């Protein structure tokens, strides 16, 4: 389901309206390679509360970037994946990761988050 059209003054503003949020870029980043269960996302983003993670996932689903599938098991499992529209943000996320690596290198901080993006 796509969000209603809002008037934007700038393309960056439009982008931020979709992926702005404390954990939305991280959620999208972790979904690049494979669909993930809700609990896997919770483990990958430990600072996100369950309420915040659920809200950010709902927002991404409402914007059409993420799809949600409920597997009818006991207990039910919820799997999230990128839609075709969601996959279109991958180059932006990769650029953010590359920029972040340069920034963290300047601080002499190493991170395992983007091993394929390291020099």
Protein backbone atom coordinates (compact mmCIF):
# COMPACT_ATOMS: atom_id res chain seq x y z
CA UNK A 1 0.00 0.00 0.00
CA UNK A 2 1.58 3.29 -1.07
CA UNK A 3 1.33 6.40 1.08
CA UNK A 4 -0.72 9.28 -0.20
CA UNK A 5 1.21 11.85 -2.20
CA UNK A 6 2.56 14.66 -0.08
CA UNK A 7 3.93 17.90 -1.47
CA UNK A 8 7.72 17.85 -1.15
CA UNK A 9 10.06 20.77 -1.61
CA UNK A 10 13.08 18.57 -2.27
CA UNK A 11 13.82 14.97 -3.38
CA UNK A 12 15.85 14.47 -0.19
CA UNK A 13 12.75 15.36 1.80
CA UNK A 14 10.76 12.73 -0.15
CA UNK A 15 13.45 10.12 0.51
CA UNK A 16 13.56 10.93 4.21
CA UNK A 17 9.78 10.67 4.43
CA UNK A 18 10.14 7.03 3.38
CA UNK A 19 13.34 5.91 5.10
CA UNK A 20 13.70 8.51 7.84
CA UNK A 21 13.38 7.02 11.27
CA UNK A 22 15.70 5.71 13.87
CA UNK A 23 15.76 2.12 12.58
CA UNK A 24 14.25 2.12 9.07
CA UNK A 25 17.60 2.26 7.24
CA UNK A 26 18.96 -0.55 9.44
CA UNK A 27 15.90 -2.70 8.81
CA UNK A 28 16.23 -2.16 5.07
CA UNK A 29 19.98 -2.85 5.24
CA UNK A 30 19.49 -6.18 7.00
CA UNK A 31 16.82 -7.24 4.51
CA UNK A 32 19.05 -6.70 1.45
CA UNK A 33 20.41 -10.25 1.28
CA UNK A 34 17.45 -12.27 2.53
CA UNK A 35 14.02 -12.16 4.13
CA UNK A 36 14.18 -12.24 7.92
CA UNK A 37 11.90 -13.26 10.76
CA UNK A 38 10.85 -10.54 13.17
CA UNK A 39 12.97 -12.11 15.93
CA UNK A 40 16.05 -12.13 13.68
CA UNK A 41 15.59 -8.40 13.05
CA UNK A 42 15.21 -7.87 16.78
CA UNK A 43 18.52 -9.66 17.39
CA UNK A 44 20.27 -7.69 14.62
CA UNK A 45 18.99 -4.35 15.96
CA UNK A 46 19.25 -4.83 19.75
CA UNK A 47 18.80 -1.14 20.60
CA UNK A 48 15.31 -1.11 19.05
CA UNK A 49 12.49 -1.79 21.45
CA UNK A 50 9.86 -4.28 20.26
CA UNK A 51 7.34 -1.43 19.97
CA UNK A 52 9.69 0.77 17.93
CA UNK A 53 10.78 -2.07 15.65
CA UNK A 54 7.16 -3.04 15.00
CA UNK A 55 6.21 0.58 14.24
CA UNK A 56 9.12 1.09 11.86
CA UNK A 57 8.33 -2.20 10.08
CA UNK A 58 4.67 -1.17 9.79
CA UNK A 59 5.69 2.19 8.30
CA UNK A 60 7.96 0.48 5.77
CA UNK A 61 5.18 -1.94 4.88
CA UNK A 62 2.67 0.90 4.47
CA UNK A 63 5.07 2.74 2.16
CA UNK A 64 5.45 -0.36 0.00
CA UNK A 65 9.14 -0.90 0.74
CA UNK A 66 8.77 -4.06 2.82
CA UNK A 67 6.39 -6.97 2.55
CA UNK A 68 5.17 -8.95 5.52
CA UNK A 69 4.24 -12.62 5.42
CA UNK A 70 2.73 -14.50 8.35
CA UNK A 71 3.57 -18.20 8.41
CA UNK A 72 0.68 -20.05 10.10
CA UNK A 73 2.72 -22.15 12.53
CA UNK A 74 2.48 -22.46 16.27
CA UNK A 75 3.59 -19.91 17.25
CA UNK A 76 3.08 -17.94 14.02
CA UNK A 77 6.21 -16.54 12.38
CA UNK A 78 6.33 -13.21 10.62
CA UNK A 79 8.81 -12.84 7.77
CA UNK A 80 9.79 -9.50 6.27
CA UNK A 81 11.39 -8.95 2.87
CA UNK A 82 12.14 -6.10 0.51
CA UNK A 83 9.66 -5.41 -2.26
CA UNK A 84 10.85 -4.39 -5.73
CA UNK A 85 10.32 -0.78 -4.62
CA UNK A 86 12.29 -1.47 -1.43
CA UNK A 87 15.15 -2.94 -3.45
CA UNK A 88 15.43 0.33 -5.34
CA UNK A 89 16.87 1.95 -2.16
CA UNK A 90 19.83 -0.50 -2.03
CA UNK A 91 22.28 1.82 -3.87
CA UNK A 92 21.44 4.60 -1.39
CA UNK A 93 22.02 2.27 1.57
CA UNK A 94 25.30 1.07 0.06
CA UNK A 95 26.42 4.69 -0.38
CA UNK A 96 25.48 5.39 3.26
CA UNK A 97 27.49 2.35 4.36
CA UNK A 98 30.52 3.37 2.30
CA UNK A 99 30.36 6.92 3.67
CA UNK A 100 29.99 5.55 7.22
CA UNK A 101 33.02 3.30 6.79
CA UNK A 102 35.11 6.33 5.80
CA UNK A 103 33.81 8.28 8.77
CA UNK A 104 34.48 5.45 11.22
CA UNK A 105 37.95 4.84 9.73
CA UNK A 106 38.76 8.45 10.61
CA UNK A 107 37.76 7.67 14.19
CA UNK A 108 39.74 4.40 14.07
CA UNK A 109 36.57 2.39 14.72
CA UNK A 110 36.05 -1.01 13.08
CA UNK A 111 32.59 -2.48 12.54
CA UNK A 112 31.52 -5.92 11.26
CA UNK A 113 28.29 -4.50 9.84
CA UNK A 114 29.49 -4.05 6.25
CA UNK A 115 32.28 -6.57 5.68
CA UNK A 116 31.77 -6.66 1.90
CA UNK A 117 31.96 -2.85 1.74
CA UNK A 118 35.30 -2.55 3.58
CA UNK A 119 38.25 -1.49 1.45
